[in-house]
Amino acid sequence: MNIDSGIDGDTAKSDHSGNIGKIEMSADSSHNTITDIHSSVTTDRETNSVSQKCHTLELTWDYTSVQHAQVVRLAVEQEVGEIDDARSCAQVENNGTTVTVNIAAADLIALRAGANTWTRFVAVAEQLFNSADDLKLE
């Protein structure tokens, strides 16, 4: 089953319950994996109450160095809270050579928009990191 996440070449496997499994994508400088797409009730961390953001998505990128992962995380995490709205929000983390973006959304359209936005942010951060590396080599 192919899904339209706005990212060309994505393929998802679905079981008969409608849950979508793992999606693998390749990027120029890293390996990008959407590890989990599911619908569930999430808790609002500020008020500890159940919110309307019932769809979640976890995107992970693996890099060859801790420095590369940290630079990408620092570049994109400043957008957390800046583009959040009533329909979606995101959180950015990094653990060693892995950067993770967790997106929660009220509906699948907002989830797809969030996935496209955060994937684009990470792609731009990677391009800038690679450009800086190229300048060092010259």
N, C-alpha and C. Protein backbone atom coordinates (compact mmCIF):
# COMPACT_ATOMS: atom_id res chain seq x y z
N MET A 1 0.84 -1.18 0.00
CA MET A 1 0.00 0.00 0.00
C MET A 1 0.88 1.23 0.00
N ASN A 2 0.66 2.14 -0.90
CA ASN A 2 1.38 3.41 -0.92
C ASN A 2 0.55 4.46 -0.21
N ILE A 3 1.22 5.29 0.57
CA ILE A 3 0.52 6.41 1.20
C ILE A 3 1.12 7.69 0.69
N ASP A 4 0.33 8.73 0.61
CA ASP A 4 0.81 10.02 0.17
C ASP A 4 1.14 10.85 1.39
N SER A 5 2.41 10.85 1.76
CA SER A 5 2.83 11.65 2.90
C SER A 5 3.44 12.96 2.43
N GLY A 6 3.46 13.16 1.12
CA GLY A 6 4.08 14.36 0.59
C GLY A 6 5.56 14.18 0.35
N ILE A 7 6.09 12.99 0.65
CA ILE A 7 7.50 12.69 0.45
C ILE A 7 7.55 11.60 -0.59
N ASP A 8 8.14 11.88 -1.74
CA ASP A 8 8.13 10.92 -2.84
C ASP A 8 8.83 9.63 -2.47
N GLY A 9 8.27 8.52 -2.93
CA GLY A 9 8.92 7.24 -2.77
C GLY A 9 8.65 6.54 -1.46
N ASP A 10 7.78 7.04 -0.64
CA ASP A 10 7.48 6.39 0.64
C ASP A 10 6.55 5.21 0.41
N THR A 11 6.82 4.12 1.05
CA THR A 11 5.95 2.96 0.98
C THR A 11 5.65 2.51 2.39
N ALA A 12 4.41 2.23 2.66
CA ALA A 12 4.01 1.80 4.00
C ALA A 12 3.35 0.45 3.90
N LYS A 13 3.47 -0.33 4.95
CA LYS A 13 2.78 -1.61 5.05
C LYS A 13 1.70 -1.46 6.10
N SER A 14 0.52 -1.95 5.80
CA SER A 14 -0.60 -1.82 6.72
C SER A 14 -1.15 -3.19 7.04
N ASP A 15 -1.50 -3.41 8.31
CA ASP A 15 -2.21 -4.64 8.64
C ASP A 15 -3.69 -4.39 8.43
N HIS A 16 -4.51 -5.39 8.60
CA HIS A 16 -5.94 -5.24 8.31
C HIS A 16 -6.67 -4.35 9.30
N SER A 17 -6.05 -3.98 10.40
CA SER A 17 -6.70 -3.10 11.37
C SER A 17 -6.57 -1.63 10.98
N GLY A 18 -5.80 -1.36 9.93
CA GLY A 18 -5.62 0.02 9.49
C GLY A 18 -4.39 0.68 10.09
N ASN A 19 -3.66 0.00 10.96
CA ASN A 19 -2.44 0.57 11.52
C ASN A 19 -1.35 0.52 10.48
N ILE A 20 -0.62 1.59 10.36
CA ILE A 20 0.45 1.67 9.38
C ILE A 20 1.75 1.35 10.08
N GLY A 21 2.57 0.51 9.45
CA GLY A 21 3.82 0.09 10.05
C GLY A 21 4.97 0.98 9.66
N LYS A 22 6.15 0.43 9.66
CA LYS A 22 7.39 1.16 9.47
C LYS A 22 7.55 1.64 8.03
N ILE A 23 8.04 2.85 7.87
CA ILE A 23 8.33 3.42 6.56
C ILE A 23 9.81 3.76 6.52
N GLU A 24 10.51 3.31 5.50
CA GLU A 24 11.93 3.60 5.36
C GLU A 24 12.13 4.58 4.21
N MET A 25 12.97 5.60 4.42
CA MET A 25 13.29 6.56 3.38
C MET A 25 14.80 6.77 3.38
N SER A 26 15.34 7.10 2.23
CA SER A 26 16.77 7.39 2.14
C SER A 26 16.96 8.87 1.93
N ALA A 27 18.01 9.40 2.52
CA ALA A 27 18.39 10.79 2.31
C ALA A 27 19.84 10.80 1.89
N ASP A 28 20.31 11.92 1.34
CA ASP A 28 21.68 11.99 0.84
C ASP A 28 22.71 11.69 1.91
N SER A 29 22.60 12.34 3.07
CA SER A 29 23.66 12.24 4.06
C SER A 29 23.28 11.41 5.28
N SER A 30 22.07 10.88 5.30
CA SER A 30 21.67 10.16 6.50
C SER A 30 20.62 9.12 6.15
N HIS A 31 20.24 8.36 7.14
CA HIS A 31 19.17 7.38 6.97
C HIS A 31 17.99 7.86 7.78
N ASN A 32 16.87 8.04 7.12
CA ASN A 32 15.67 8.59 7.74
C ASN A 32 14.65 7.48 7.88
N THR A 33 14.11 7.30 9.07
CA THR A 33 13.13 6.25 9.29
C THR A 33 11.93 6.82 10.02
N ILE A 34 10.76 6.59 9.46
CA ILE A 34 9.54 6.88 10.21
C ILE A 34 9.25 5.61 10.97
N THR A 35 9.46 5.63 12.27
CA THR A 35 9.40 4.40 13.03
C THR A 35 8.02 4.05 13.53
N ASP A 36 7.15 5.01 13.63
CA ASP A 36 5.85 4.68 14.19
C ASP A 36 4.81 5.69 13.76
N ILE A 37 3.75 5.21 13.16
CA ILE A 37 2.61 6.05 12.83
C ILE A 37 1.40 5.38 13.45
N HIS A 38 0.73 6.06 14.34
CA HIS A 38 -0.47 5.47 14.92
C HIS A 38 -1.39 6.55 15.48
N SER A 39 -2.58 6.14 15.73
CA SER A 39 -3.56 7.03 16.34
C SER A 39 -3.73 6.63 17.78
N SER A 40 -3.62 7.58 18.66
CA SER A 40 -3.80 7.32 20.08
C SER A 40 -4.08 8.63 20.79
N VAL A 41 -4.53 8.55 22.00
CA VAL A 41 -4.77 9.75 22.80
C VAL A 41 -3.45 10.13 23.46
N THR A 42 -3.08 11.41 23.37
CA THR A 42 -1.85 11.87 24.00
C THR A 42 -2.19 12.78 25.17
N THR A 43 -1.23 12.97 26.03
CA THR A 43 -1.44 13.83 27.20
C THR A 43 -0.77 15.17 26.97
N ASP A 44 -1.47 16.24 27.28
CA ASP A 44 -0.91 17.58 27.21
C ASP A 44 0.03 17.74 28.40
N ARG A 45 1.32 17.95 28.15
CA ARG A 45 2.31 18.00 29.23
C ARG A 45 2.11 19.18 30.16
N GLU A 46 1.58 20.29 29.67
CA GLU A 46 1.41 21.47 30.52
C GLU A 46 0.23 21.33 31.47
N THR A 47 -0.88 20.79 30.98
CA THR A 47 -2.07 20.71 31.82
C THR A 47 -2.36 19.30 32.31
N ASN A 48 -1.59 18.33 31.81
CA ASN A 48 -1.78 16.93 32.17
C ASN A 48 -3.18 16.42 31.81
N SER A 49 -3.82 17.06 30.86
CA SER A 49 -5.14 16.61 30.43
C SER A 49 -5.06 16.01 29.03
N VAL A 50 -6.02 15.20 28.70
CA VAL A 50 -6.04 14.58 27.38
C VAL A 50 -6.41 15.64 26.36
N SER A 51 -5.64 15.70 25.28
CA SER A 51 -5.88 16.71 24.25
C SER A 51 -6.54 16.06 23.04
N GLN A 52 -6.83 16.88 22.05
CA GLN A 52 -7.43 16.40 20.82
C GLN A 52 -6.39 15.86 19.84
N LYS A 53 -5.12 15.95 20.16
CA LYS A 53 -4.06 15.50 19.27
C LYS A 53 -3.92 13.99 19.37
N CYS A 54 -4.72 13.28 18.59
CA CYS A 54 -4.80 11.83 18.74
C CYS A 54 -3.98 11.07 17.70
N HIS A 55 -3.30 11.75 16.79
CA HIS A 55 -2.46 11.08 15.80
C HIS A 55 -1.01 11.47 16.08
N THR A 56 -0.13 10.50 16.11
CA THR A 56 1.28 10.78 16.40
C THR A 56 2.17 10.16 15.34
N LEU A 57 3.33 10.75 15.17
CA LEU A 57 4.31 10.27 14.20
C LEU A 57 5.69 10.49 14.79
N GLU A 58 6.54 9.50 14.69
CA GLU A 58 7.93 9.63 15.13
C GLU A 58 8.83 9.47 13.91
N LEU A 59 9.64 10.51 13.64
CA LEU A 59 10.61 10.48 12.55
C LEU A 59 12.00 10.42 13.16
N THR A 60 12.85 9.55 12.64
CA THR A 60 14.23 9.48 13.14
C THR A 60 15.21 9.57 11.98
N TRP A 61 16.33 10.23 12.25
CA TRP A 61 17.42 10.33 11.29
C TRP A 61 18.68 9.85 11.99
N ASP A 62 19.43 8.97 11.34
CA ASP A 62 20.69 8.47 11.88
C ASP A 62 21.84 9.10 11.11
N TYR A 63 22.84 9.58 11.84
CA TYR A 63 23.99 10.24 11.24
C TYR A 63 25.27 9.48 11.56
N THR A 64 26.33 9.80 10.85
CA THR A 64 27.60 9.11 11.04
C THR A 64 28.38 9.63 12.24
N SER A 65 28.03 10.83 12.72
CA SER A 65 28.74 11.37 13.89
C SER A 65 27.76 12.04 14.85
N VAL A 66 28.17 12.08 16.11
CA VAL A 66 27.38 12.76 17.14
C VAL A 66 27.30 14.25 16.82
N GLN A 67 28.41 14.83 16.35
CA GLN A 67 28.43 16.26 16.02
C GLN A 67 27.40 16.59 14.95
N HIS A 68 27.33 15.77 13.91
CA HIS A 68 26.36 16.00 12.83
C HIS A 68 24.94 15.98 13.39
N ALA A 69 24.62 15.00 14.23
CA ALA A 69 23.29 14.89 14.83
C ALA A 69 22.98 16.11 15.71
N GLN A 70 23.97 16.55 16.49
CA GLN A 70 23.75 17.70 17.37
C GLN A 70 23.52 18.98 16.58
N VAL A 71 24.27 19.17 15.50
CA VAL A 71 24.10 20.36 14.68
C VAL A 71 22.71 20.38 14.05
N VAL A 72 22.26 19.24 13.53
CA VAL A 72 20.92 19.17 12.94
C VAL A 72 19.86 19.43 14.00
N ARG A 73 19.99 18.81 15.17
CA ARG A 73 19.01 19.03 16.24
C ARG A 73 18.95 20.49 16.64
N LEU A 74 20.11 21.11 16.86
CA LEU A 74 20.14 22.52 17.26
C LEU A 74 19.52 23.42 16.20
N ALA A 75 19.73 23.07 14.94
CA ALA A 75 19.18 23.89 13.85
C ALA A 75 17.66 23.81 13.79
N VAL A 76 17.11 22.62 14.01
CA VAL A 76 15.65 22.48 13.85
C VAL A 76 14.87 22.68 15.14
N GLU A 77 15.49 22.44 16.30
CA GLU A 77 14.71 22.52 17.54
C GLU A 77 14.28 23.94 17.88
N GLN A 78 14.94 24.94 17.31
CA GLN A 78 14.51 26.31 17.56
C GLN A 78 13.14 26.60 16.93
N GLU A 79 12.68 25.73 16.04
CA GLU A 79 11.35 25.90 15.44
C GLU A 79 10.24 25.31 16.32
N VAL A 80 10.61 24.50 17.32
CA VAL A 80 9.60 23.91 18.22
C VAL A 80 8.87 25.04 18.94
N GLY A 81 7.57 25.01 18.91
CA GLY A 81 6.77 26.05 19.55
C GLY A 81 6.48 27.24 18.65
N GLU A 82 7.33 27.46 17.65
CA GLU A 82 7.13 28.59 16.74
C GLU A 82 6.04 28.31 15.73
N ILE A 83 5.91 27.06 15.32
CA ILE A 83 4.91 26.73 14.30
C ILE A 83 3.79 25.86 14.86
N ASP A 84 3.84 25.53 16.14
CA ASP A 84 2.76 24.75 16.75
C ASP A 84 1.47 25.55 16.68
N ASP A 85 0.38 24.84 16.51
CA ASP A 85 -0.93 25.50 16.52
C ASP A 85 -1.92 24.59 17.23
N ALA A 86 -3.19 24.90 17.11
CA ALA A 86 -4.21 24.11 17.80
C ALA A 86 -4.33 22.70 17.24
N ARG A 87 -3.83 22.48 16.01
CA ARG A 87 -3.99 21.17 15.38
C ARG A 87 -2.77 20.28 15.48
N SER A 88 -1.58 20.83 15.72
CA SER A 88 -0.39 19.98 15.77
C SER A 88 0.72 20.62 16.61
N CYS A 89 1.63 19.78 17.06
CA CYS A 89 2.81 20.24 17.79
C CYS A 89 3.92 19.21 17.58
N ALA A 90 5.15 19.59 17.89
CA ALA A 90 6.28 18.69 17.68
C ALA A 90 7.30 18.85 18.80
N GLN A 91 8.15 17.84 18.90
CA GLN A 91 9.22 17.82 19.88
C GLN A 91 10.45 17.22 19.19
N VAL A 92 11.63 17.80 19.43
CA VAL A 92 12.87 17.34 18.80
C VAL A 92 13.82 16.86 19.88
N GLU A 93 14.44 15.71 19.66
CA GLU A 93 15.41 15.14 20.60
C GLU A 93 16.58 14.57 19.81
N ASN A 94 17.71 14.44 20.49
CA ASN A 94 18.78 13.66 19.87
C ASN A 94 19.47 12.82 20.92
N ASN A 95 19.82 11.62 20.51
CA ASN A 95 20.47 10.64 21.38
C ASN A 95 21.64 10.06 20.59
N GLY A 96 22.82 10.52 20.91
CA GLY A 96 23.99 10.05 20.18
C GLY A 96 23.94 10.52 18.74
N THR A 97 23.94 9.58 17.81
CA THR A 97 23.94 9.92 16.39
C THR A 97 22.54 9.96 15.78
N THR A 98 21.52 9.92 16.62
CA THR A 98 20.13 9.88 16.14
C THR A 98 19.38 11.15 16.53
N VAL A 99 18.67 11.73 15.57
CA VAL A 99 17.77 12.86 15.82
C VAL A 99 16.35 12.34 15.64
N THR A 100 15.48 12.65 16.60
CA THR A 100 14.09 12.20 16.56
C THR A 100 13.16 13.40 16.63
N VAL A 101 12.17 13.42 15.75
CA VAL A 101 11.11 14.43 15.79
C VAL A 101 9.80 13.69 16.04
N ASN A 102 9.14 14.03 17.14
CA ASN A 102 7.83 13.47 17.47
C ASN A 102 6.77 14.51 17.16
N ILE A 103 5.79 14.13 16.34
CA ILE A 103 4.73 15.04 15.94
C ILE A 103 3.41 14.50 16.45
N ALA A 104 2.59 15.36 17.02
CA ALA A 104 1.23 15.00 17.44
C ALA A 104 0.27 15.94 16.72
N ALA A 105 -0.84 15.38 16.23
CA ALA A 105 -1.79 16.20 15.47
C ALA A 105 -3.22 15.76 15.73
N ALA A 106 -4.12 16.70 15.56
CA ALA A 106 -5.54 16.44 15.78
C ALA A 106 -6.15 15.63 14.65
N ASP A 107 -5.57 15.73 13.44
CA ASP A 107 -6.12 15.00 12.30
C ASP A 107 -4.98 14.60 11.37
N LEU A 108 -5.27 13.72 10.43
CA LEU A 108 -4.24 13.20 9.54
C LEU A 108 -3.69 14.25 8.59
N ILE A 109 -4.49 15.21 8.22
CA ILE A 109 -4.01 16.29 7.34
C ILE A 109 -2.96 17.11 8.06
N ALA A 110 -3.22 17.47 9.31
CA ALA A 110 -2.24 18.22 10.10
C ALA A 110 -1.00 17.37 10.36
N LEU A 111 -1.16 16.06 10.54
CA LEU A 111 -0.02 15.17 10.75
C LEU A 111 0.86 15.14 9.51
N ARG A 112 0.25 15.02 8.33
CA ARG A 112 1.02 15.02 7.09
C ARG A 112 1.72 16.35 6.90
N ALA A 113 1.04 17.46 7.18
CA ALA A 113 1.66 18.78 7.06
C ALA A 113 2.85 18.89 8.00
N GLY A 114 2.69 18.40 9.23
CA GLY A 114 3.79 18.41 10.18
C GLY A 114 4.96 17.56 9.71
N ALA A 115 4.67 16.39 9.16
CA ALA A 115 5.73 15.51 8.64
C ALA A 115 6.48 16.21 7.52
N ASN A 116 5.76 16.83 6.60
CA ASN A 116 6.40 17.55 5.50
C ASN A 116 7.26 18.70 6.01
N THR A 117 6.72 19.47 6.95
CA THR A 117 7.44 20.62 7.49
C THR A 117 8.72 20.21 8.19
N TRP A 118 8.64 19.25 9.11
CA TRP A 118 9.82 18.85 9.88
C TRP A 118 10.83 18.10 9.02
N THR A 119 10.38 17.34 8.04
CA THR A 119 11.31 16.68 7.12
C THR A 119 12.07 17.73 6.31
N ARG A 120 11.37 18.77 5.90
CA ARG A 120 12.01 19.86 5.16
C ARG A 120 13.01 20.61 6.04
N PHE A 121 12.65 20.89 7.30
CA PHE A 121 13.58 21.55 8.22
C PHE A 121 14.87 20.75 8.37
N VAL A 122 14.74 19.45 8.55
CA VAL A 122 15.91 18.59 8.72
C VAL A 122 16.73 18.56 7.43
N ALA A 123 16.08 18.49 6.28
CA ALA A 123 16.79 18.47 5.00
C ALA A 123 17.61 19.75 4.82
N VAL A 124 17.04 20.90 5.18
CA VAL A 124 17.77 22.17 5.07
C VAL A 124 18.95 22.19 6.03
N ALA A 125 18.75 21.72 7.25
CA ALA A 125 19.85 21.66 8.23
C ALA A 125 20.98 20.76 7.72
N GLU A 126 20.62 19.64 7.10
CA GLU A 126 21.64 18.74 6.53
C GLU A 126 22.40 19.42 5.40
N GLN A 127 21.68 20.12 4.52
CA GLN A 127 22.33 20.82 3.42
C GLN A 127 23.31 21.86 3.93
N LEU A 128 22.92 22.61 4.95
CA LEU A 128 23.81 23.62 5.52
C LEU A 128 25.03 22.97 6.17
N PHE A 129 24.83 21.88 6.89
CA PHE A 129 25.94 21.16 7.51
C PHE A 129 26.91 20.68 6.43
N ASN A 130 26.38 20.09 5.36
CA ASN A 130 27.23 19.59 4.28
C ASN A 130 27.94 20.72 3.55
N SER A 131 27.27 21.86 3.38
CA SER A 131 27.91 23.02 2.74
C SER A 131 29.06 23.54 3.59
N ALA A 132 28.86 23.59 4.90
CA ALA A 132 29.93 24.03 5.81
C ALA A 132 31.10 23.07 5.75
N ASP A 133 30.83 21.77 5.69
CA ASP A 133 31.90 20.78 5.56
C ASP A 133 32.66 20.96 4.25
N ASP A 134 31.94 21.23 3.17
CA ASP A 134 32.58 21.43 1.87
C ASP A 134 33.48 22.66 1.90
N LEU A 135 33.06 23.72 2.59
CA LEU A 135 33.88 24.93 2.69
C LEU A 135 35.16 24.66 3.48
N LYS A 136 35.09 23.81 4.49
CA LYS A 136 36.28 23.47 5.29
C LYS A 136 37.30 22.73 4.45
N LEU A 137 36.82 21.92 3.49
CA LEU A 137 37.72 21.12 2.67
C LEU A 137 38.42 21.94 1.60
N GLU A 138 37.86 23.09 1.23
CA GLU A 138 38.45 23.90 0.16
C GLU A 138 39.58 24.75 0.62
